[in-house]
Amino acid sequence: MRIKIIIAADHQLFREGLVNLLANSDEIEIVARAENGRDAIEKVEKHKPDLILMDIGMPVINGVEATQILHDKYPELKVIALSMHSDKHYIKGMLEAGASGYLLKNSTYNQLLEAIKTVHSGKKYLSEQITEVLIDNYLGKNEDLPIKAPELTDREFEILKLYAEGKSAKEIAKQLFVSTKTVGTHKQNIMEKLHLKSTVEMVRYAIKNGIVSLE
């Protein structure tokens, strides 16, 4: 019997890329796709999958919140987190919400298949890089900071990091191939979501939460 999977990711190209990759496997059946956390919850209720590949930085309801809701309602459902972030707060947030695996978006096809099979069998799966982050944290190499729910989308997180690295709005716009107005809109959203009032507070937040370092 094939593993029934839902793919939840807000970027269509990434979502469709995963669908095309996994379509080559005789062991996997893609039963639905979701573009945000709320959509993912609704699709799970409708299709009853075995496993869901869950992006973290999604709109409406983010991946951590959606995972927690699904874990409470369907404890047998397996969740594998997909993210561009190797920050310990995102990893802990997803694992504590009920995810059984955590993969970075630059993982290989073979790693993805291995993760799916491992988690479906009832075991946990963490990539080598993610395991190292957790071990470093356990050994106290990083200050034990309070876990922050990933309220930000991937693009907002990226812009927060660039601001914290000292980039100007114009430099960020040029690097990301967007307008300065778009960068300003993202900045406003970041400050509202994180309850911050200035660029200085954004930088402090990024440093405090290990998004950037002082080195």
C-alpha atoms as a PDB file:
ATOM      1  CA  MET A   1       0.000   0.000   0.000  1.00  0.00           C
ATOM      2  CA  ARG A   2       1.387   3.392  -1.000  1.00  0.00           C
ATOM      3  CA  ILE A   3       2.047   6.184   1.492  1.00  0.00           C
ATOM      4  CA  LYS A   4      -0.619   8.857   1.108  1.00  0.00           C
ATOM      5  CA  ILE A   5       0.918  12.318   1.314  1.00  0.00           C
ATOM      6  CA  ILE A   6      -0.227  15.940   1.351  1.00  0.00           C
ATOM      7  CA  ILE A   7       2.269  18.636   0.379  1.00  0.00           C
ATOM      8  CA  ALA A   8       1.742  21.959   2.172  1.00  0.00           C
ATOM      9  CA  ALA A   9       3.853  24.888   0.926  1.00  0.00           C
ATOM     10  CA  ASP A  10       2.939  28.437  -0.008  1.00  0.00           C
ATOM     11  CA  HIS A  11       5.258  28.746  -3.022  1.00  0.00           C
ATOM     12  CA  GLN A  12       3.672  27.073  -6.023  1.00  0.00           C
ATOM     13  CA  LEU A  13       6.931  26.286  -7.820  1.00  0.00           C
ATOM     14  CA  PHE A  14       8.342  24.549  -4.741  1.00  0.00           C
ATOM     15  CA  ARG A  15       5.059  22.712  -4.162  1.00  0.00           C
ATOM     16  CA  GLU A  16       4.827  21.509  -7.748  1.00  0.00           C
ATOM     17  CA  GLY A  17       8.499  20.580  -7.741  1.00  0.00           C
ATOM     18  CA  LEU A  18       7.922  18.219  -4.818  1.00  0.00           C
ATOM     19  CA  VAL A  19       4.891  16.740  -6.538  1.00  0.00           C
ATOM     20  CA  ASN A  20       6.889  16.045  -9.691  1.00  0.00           C
ATOM     21  CA  LEU A  21       9.773  14.524  -7.728  1.00  0.00           C
ATOM     22  CA  LEU A  22       7.626  12.216  -5.632  1.00  0.00           C
ATOM     23  CA  ALA A  23       5.483  11.191  -8.585  1.00  0.00           C
ATOM     24  CA  ASN A  24       8.422   9.004  -9.660  1.00  0.00           C
ATOM     25  CA  SER A  25       8.087   6.812  -6.568  1.00  0.00           C
ATOM     26  CA  ASP A  26       5.860   3.737  -6.682  1.00  0.00           C
ATOM     27  CA  GLU A  27       5.624   3.853  -2.876  1.00  0.00           C
ATOM     28  CA  ILE A  28       4.060   7.313  -2.627  1.00  0.00           C
ATOM     29  CA  GLU A  29       0.710   8.795  -3.620  1.00  0.00           C
ATOM     30  CA  ILE A  30       0.160  12.574  -3.525  1.00  0.00           C
ATOM     31  CA  VAL A  31      -3.480  12.941  -2.468  1.00  0.00           C
ATOM     32  CA  ALA A  32      -3.614  16.746  -2.166  1.00  0.00           C
ATOM     33  CA  ARG A  33      -1.673  20.014  -2.076  1.00  0.00           C
ATOM     34  CA  ALA A  34      -2.154  22.945   0.281  1.00  0.00           C
ATOM     35  CA  GLU A  35      -0.948  26.537   0.012  1.00  0.00           C
ATOM     36  CA  ASN A  36      -1.264  27.599   3.673  1.00  0.00           C
ATOM     37  CA  GLY A  37      -1.804  26.144   7.129  1.00  0.00           C
ATOM     38  CA  ARG A  38      -5.575  26.437   7.129  1.00  0.00           C
ATOM     39  CA  ASP A  39      -5.755  24.813   3.709  1.00  0.00           C
ATOM     40  CA  ALA A  40      -3.533  21.998   4.983  1.00  0.00           C
ATOM     41  CA  ILE A  41      -5.851  21.325   7.925  1.00  0.00           C
ATOM     42  CA  GLU A  42      -8.886  21.229   5.638  1.00  0.00           C
ATOM     43  CA  LYS A  43      -7.150  18.910   3.158  1.00  0.00           C
ATOM     44  CA  VAL A  44      -6.129  16.514   5.947  1.00  0.00           C
ATOM     45  CA  GLU A  45      -9.727  16.376   7.174  1.00  0.00           C
ATOM     46  CA  LYS A  46     -10.912  15.598   3.652  1.00  0.00           C
ATOM     47  CA  HIS A  47      -8.252  13.180   2.393  1.00  0.00           C
ATOM     48  CA  LYS A  48      -7.015  11.471   5.605  1.00  0.00           C
ATOM     49  CA  PRO A  49      -3.353  11.122   4.517  1.00  0.00           C
ATOM     50  CA  ASP A  50      -0.663   9.078   6.241  1.00  0.00           C
ATOM     51  CA  LEU A  51       1.834  11.923   6.193  1.00  0.00           C
ATOM     52  CA  ILE A  52       2.089  15.619   5.440  1.00  0.00           C
ATOM     53  CA  LEU A  53       5.129  17.556   4.252  1.00  0.00           C
ATOM     54  CA  MET A  54       4.688  20.868   6.078  1.00  0.00           C
ATOM     55  CA  ASP A  55       6.384  24.116   5.137  1.00  0.00           C
ATOM     56  CA  ILE A  56       6.908  26.355   8.176  1.00  0.00           C
ATOM     57  CA  GLY A  57       6.659  29.905   6.859  1.00  0.00           C
ATOM     58  CA  MET A  58       3.144  29.829   5.422  1.00  0.00           C
ATOM     59  CA  PRO A  59       0.474  32.552   5.561  1.00  0.00           C
ATOM     60  CA  VAL A  60      -2.934  32.448   7.302  1.00  0.00           C
ATOM     61  CA  ILE A  61      -1.800  29.710   9.719  1.00  0.00           C
ATOM     62  CA  ASN A  62       1.922  28.944   9.880  1.00  0.00           C
ATOM     63  CA  GLY A  63       3.380  25.454   9.825  1.00  0.00           C
ATOM     64  CA  VAL A  64       3.963  25.200  13.567  1.00  0.00           C
ATOM     65  CA  GLU A  65       0.391  26.143  14.453  1.00  0.00           C
ATOM     66  CA  ALA A  66      -1.030  23.860  11.760  1.00  0.00           C
ATOM     67  CA  THR A  67       1.120  20.977  12.989  1.00  0.00           C
ATOM     68  CA  GLN A  68      -0.042  21.490  16.577  1.00  0.00           C
ATOM     69  CA  ILE A  69      -3.701  21.570  15.517  1.00  0.00           C
ATOM     70  CA  LEU A  70      -3.321  18.445  13.393  1.00  0.00           C
ATOM     71  CA  HIS A  71      -1.319  16.597  16.043  1.00  0.00           C
ATOM     72  CA  ASP A  72      -4.035  17.263  18.627  1.00  0.00           C
ATOM     73  CA  LYS A  73      -6.812  16.142  16.288  1.00  0.00           C
ATOM     74  CA  TYR A  74      -5.021  13.357  14.397  1.00  0.00           C
ATOM     75  CA  PRO A  75      -2.198  12.057  16.627  1.00  0.00           C
ATOM     76  CA  GLU A  76      -1.530   9.203  14.199  1.00  0.00           C
ATOM     77  CA  LEU A  77      -0.778  11.618  11.345  1.00  0.00           C
ATOM     78  CA  LYS A  78       2.933  11.943  10.583  1.00  0.00           C
ATOM     79  CA  VAL A  79       4.377  15.404   9.877  1.00  0.00           C
ATOM     80  CA  ILE A  80       7.719  16.244   8.313  1.00  0.00           C
ATOM     81  CA  ALA A  81       8.750  19.884   8.525  1.00  0.00           C
ATOM     82  CA  LEU A  82      10.225  21.549   5.451  1.00  0.00           C
ATOM     83  CA  SER A  83      12.104  24.797   5.905  1.00  0.00           C
ATOM     84  CA  MET A  84      14.931  27.012   4.710  1.00  0.00           C
ATOM     85  CA  HIS A  85      15.709  27.669   8.397  1.00  0.00           C
ATOM     86  CA  SER A  86      18.175  25.694  10.497  1.00  0.00           C
ATOM     87  CA  ASP A  87      17.566  27.998  13.480  1.00  0.00           C
ATOM     88  CA  LYS A  88      17.045  26.001  16.681  1.00  0.00           C
ATOM     89  CA  HIS A  89      13.830  27.843  17.560  1.00  0.00           C
ATOM     90  CA  TYR A  90      12.136  26.724  14.359  1.00  0.00           C
ATOM     91  CA  ILE A  91      13.347  23.157  14.844  1.00  0.00           C
ATOM     92  CA  LYS A  92      12.185  22.980  18.465  1.00  0.00           C
ATOM     93  CA  GLY A  93       8.918  24.671  17.594  1.00  0.00           C
ATOM     94  CA  MET A  94       8.042  22.059  14.984  1.00  0.00           C
ATOM     95  CA  LEU A  95       9.204  19.062  17.023  1.00  0.00           C
ATOM     96  CA  GLU A  96       7.308  20.212  20.098  1.00  0.00           C
ATOM     97  CA  ALA A  97       4.213  20.798  17.972  1.00  0.00           C
ATOM     98  CA  GLY A  98       4.304  17.141  16.966  1.00  0.00           C
ATOM     99  CA  ALA A  99       6.457  16.841  13.838  1.00  0.00           C
ATOM    100  CA  SER A 100       8.373  13.583  13.471  1.00  0.00           C
ATOM    101  CA  GLY A 101      10.937  14.891  11.031  1.00  0.00           C
ATOM    102  CA  TYR A 102      12.703  18.071   9.944  1.00  0.00           C
ATOM    103  CA  LEU A 103      14.254  18.654   6.523  1.00  0.00           C
ATOM    104  CA  LEU A 104      15.891  21.681   4.967  1.00  0.00           C
ATOM    105  CA  LYS A 105      14.627  22.703   1.554  1.00  0.00           C
ATOM    106  CA  ASN A 106      18.034  22.078   0.004  1.00  0.00           C
ATOM    107  CA  SER A 107      17.882  18.388   0.915  1.00  0.00           C
ATOM    108  CA  THR A 108      18.363  15.803  -1.822  1.00  0.00           C
ATOM    109  CA  TYR A 109      15.650  13.612  -3.334  1.00  0.00           C
ATOM    110  CA  ASN A 110      17.129  10.563  -1.617  1.00  0.00           C
ATOM    111  CA  GLN A 111      17.087  12.336   1.757  1.00  0.00           C
ATOM    112  CA  LEU A 112      13.443  13.253   1.213  1.00  0.00           C
ATOM    113  CA  LEU A 113      12.516   9.664   0.383  1.00  0.00           C
ATOM    114  CA  GLU A 114      14.471   8.369   3.360  1.00  0.00           C
ATOM    115  CA  ALA A 115      12.724  10.853   5.649  1.00  0.00           C
ATOM    116  CA  ILE A 116       9.279   9.874   4.374  1.00  0.00           C
ATOM    117  CA  LYS A 117       9.910   6.140   4.782  1.00  0.00           C
ATOM    118  CA  THR A 118      11.547   6.564   8.195  1.00  0.00           C
ATOM    119  CA  VAL A 119       8.779   8.739   9.620  1.00  0.00           C
ATOM    120  CA  HIS A 120       6.029   6.602   8.104  1.00  0.00           C
ATOM    121  CA  SER A 121       7.529   3.576   9.871  1.00  0.00           C
ATOM    122  CA  GLY A 122       7.085   5.343  13.211  1.00  0.00           C
ATOM    123  CA  LYS A 123      10.603   6.659  13.723  1.00  0.00           C
ATOM    124  CA  LYS A 124      12.015  10.185  13.874  1.00  0.00           C
ATOM    125  CA  TYR A 125      14.085  11.713  11.088  1.00  0.00           C
ATOM    126  CA  LEU A 126      16.447  14.670  11.374  1.00  0.00           C
ATOM    127  CA  SER A 127      19.041  15.547   8.766  1.00  0.00           C
ATOM    128  CA  GLU A 128      22.676  15.617   9.864  1.00  0.00           C
ATOM    129  CA  GLN A 129      22.754  19.422   9.909  1.00  0.00           C
ATOM    130  CA  ILE A 130      19.610  19.648  12.035  1.00  0.00           C
ATOM    131  CA  THR A 131      20.961  17.053  14.470  1.00  0.00           C
ATOM    132  CA  GLU A 132      24.141  19.104  14.885  1.00  0.00           C
ATOM    133  CA  VAL A 133      22.126  22.225  15.702  1.00  0.00           C
ATOM    134  CA  LEU A 134      20.208  20.388  18.432  1.00  0.00           C
ATOM    135  CA  ILE A 135      23.331  18.772  19.862  1.00  0.00           C
ATOM    136  CA  ASP A 136      25.124  22.130  20.003  1.00  0.00           C
ATOM    137  CA  ASN A 137      22.155  23.588  21.819  1.00  0.00           C
ATOM    138  CA  TYR A 138      21.990  20.647  24.242  1.00  0.00           C
ATOM    139  CA  LEU A 139      25.687  21.008  25.016  1.00  0.00           C
ATOM    140  CA  GLY A 140      25.177  24.661  25.769  1.00  0.00           C
ATOM    141  CA  LYS A 141      27.195  26.071  22.876  1.00  0.00           C
ATOM    142  CA  ASN A 142      24.392  28.555  22.358  1.00  0.00           C
ATOM    143  CA  GLU A 143      22.516  30.477  25.014  1.00  0.00           C
ATOM    144  CA  ASP A 144      19.249  28.775  25.814  1.00  0.00           C
ATOM    145  CA  LEU A 145      16.762  31.274  24.485  1.00  0.00           C
ATOM    146  CA  PRO A 146      12.983  31.121  24.685  1.00  0.00           C
ATOM    147  CA  ILE A 147      11.383  29.427  21.707  1.00  0.00           C
ATOM    148  CA  LYS A 148       9.795  31.812  19.254  1.00  0.00           C
ATOM    149  CA  ALA A 149       6.938  30.669  17.044  1.00  0.00           C
ATOM    150  CA  PRO A 150       7.851  31.305  13.405  1.00  0.00           C
ATOM    151  CA  GLU A 151       5.276  34.023  12.722  1.00  0.00           C
ATOM    152  CA  LEU A 152       7.201  35.201   9.696  1.00  0.00           C
ATOM    153  CA  THR A 153       7.020  33.944   6.143  1.00  0.00           C
ATOM    154  CA  ASP A 154      10.264  32.809   4.510  1.00  0.00           C
ATOM    155  CA  ARG A 155      10.595  36.125   2.675  1.00  0.00           C
ATOM    156  CA  GLU A 156       9.957  38.153   5.846  1.00  0.00           C
ATOM    157  CA  PHE A 157      12.548  36.088   7.709  1.00  0.00           C
ATOM    158  CA  GLU A 158      15.029  36.699   4.891  1.00  0.00           C
ATOM    159  CA  ILE A 159      14.439  40.454   4.995  1.00  0.00           C
ATOM    160  CA  LEU A 160      14.709  40.535   8.801  1.00  0.00           C
ATOM    161  CA  LYS A 161      18.075  38.788   8.540  1.00  0.00           C
ATOM    162  CA  LEU A 162      19.319  41.215   5.879  1.00  0.00           C
ATOM    163  CA  TYR A 163      18.277  44.248   7.938  1.00  0.00           C
ATOM    164  CA  ALA A 164      20.032  42.730  10.952  1.00  0.00           C
ATOM    165  CA  GLU A 165      23.173  42.303   8.844  1.00  0.00           C
ATOM    166  CA  GLY A 166      23.188  46.048   8.241  1.00  0.00           C
ATOM    167  CA  LYS A 167      21.701  46.179   4.764  1.00  0.00           C
ATOM    168  CA  SER A 168      19.612  49.193   3.734  1.00  0.00           C
ATOM    169  CA  ALA A 169      16.166  48.892   2.151  1.00  0.00           C
ATOM    170  CA  LYS A 170      17.684  49.816  -1.209  1.00  0.00           C
ATOM    171  CA  GLU A 171      20.394  47.154  -0.888  1.00  0.00           C
ATOM    172  CA  ILE A 172      17.859  44.529   0.154  1.00  0.00           C
ATOM    173  CA  ALA A 173      15.600  45.418  -2.777  1.00  0.00           C
ATOM    174  CA  LYS A 174      18.513  45.076  -5.205  1.00  0.00           C
ATOM    175  CA  GLN A 175      19.617  41.749  -3.732  1.00  0.00           C
ATOM    176  CA  LEU A 176      16.114  40.246  -3.785  1.00  0.00           C
ATOM    177  CA  PHE A 177      15.078  41.784  -7.120  1.00  0.00           C
ATOM    178  CA  VAL A 178      12.071  43.577  -5.641  1.00  0.00           C
ATOM    179  CA  SER A 179      11.137  47.236  -5.197  1.00  0.00           C
ATOM    180  CA  THR A 180      12.073  49.259  -2.123  1.00  0.00           C
ATOM    181  CA  LYS A 181       8.332  49.707  -1.571  1.00  0.00           C
ATOM    182  CA  THR A 182       7.940  45.922  -1.337  1.00  0.00           C
ATOM    183  CA  VAL A 183      10.794  45.738   1.151  1.00  0.00           C
ATOM    184  CA  GLY A 184       9.106  48.478   3.196  1.00  0.00           C
ATOM    185  CA  THR A 185       5.832  46.549   3.207  1.00  0.00           C
ATOM    186  CA  HIS A 186       7.588  43.413   4.410  1.00  0.00           C
ATOM    187  CA  LYS A 187       9.398  45.421   7.078  1.00  0.00           C
ATOM    188  CA  GLN A 188       6.100  46.799   8.362  1.00  0.00           C
ATOM    189  CA  ASN A 189       4.626  43.284   8.473  1.00  0.00           C
ATOM    190  CA  ILE A 190       7.677  42.010  10.356  1.00  0.00           C
ATOM    191  CA  MET A 191       7.415  44.735  12.984  1.00  0.00           C
ATOM    192  CA  GLU A 192       3.677  44.203  13.430  1.00  0.00           C
ATOM    193  CA  LYS A 193       4.012  40.419  13.770  1.00  0.00           C
ATOM    194  CA  LEU A 194       6.933  40.620  16.203  1.00  0.00           C
ATOM    195  CA  HIS A 195       5.580  43.676  18.053  1.00  0.00           C
ATOM    196  CA  LEU A 196       8.653  45.745  17.253  1.00  0.00           C
ATOM    197  CA  LYS A 197       8.789  49.503  16.747  1.00  0.00           C
ATOM    198  CA  SER A 198      12.001  50.212  14.841  1.00  0.00           C
ATOM    199  CA  THR A 199      14.850  48.812  12.786  1.00  0.00           C
ATOM    200  CA  VAL A 200      17.005  48.851  15.914  1.00  0.00           C
ATOM    201  CA  GLU A 201      14.526  46.589  17.691  1.00  0.00           C
ATOM    202  CA  MET A 202      14.500  44.283  14.649  1.00  0.00           C
ATOM    203  CA  VAL A 203      18.280  43.968  14.861  1.00  0.00           C
ATOM    204  CA  ARG A 204      18.122  43.274  18.612  1.00  0.00           C
ATOM    205  CA  TYR A 205      15.472  40.621  18.022  1.00  0.00           C
ATOM    206  CA  ALA A 206      17.591  38.935  15.339  1.00  0.00           C
ATOM    207  CA  ILE A 207      20.676  38.855  17.564  1.00  0.00           C
ATOM    208  CA  LYS A 208      18.770  37.686  20.649  1.00  0.00           C
ATOM    209  CA  ASN A 209      17.168  34.828  18.744  1.00  0.00           C
ATOM    210  CA  GLY A 210      20.318  33.642  16.990  1.00  0.00           C
ATOM    211  CA  ILE A 211      19.227  34.746  13.511  1.00  0.00           C
ATOM    212  CA  VAL A 212      22.473  36.681  13.192  1.00  0.00           C
ATOM    213  CA  SER A 213      25.492  36.832  15.463  1.00  0.00           C
ATOM    214  CA  LEU A 214      27.803  39.618  16.617  1.00  0.00           C
ATOM    215  CA  GLU A 215      30.864  37.801  15.255  1.00  0.00           C
END
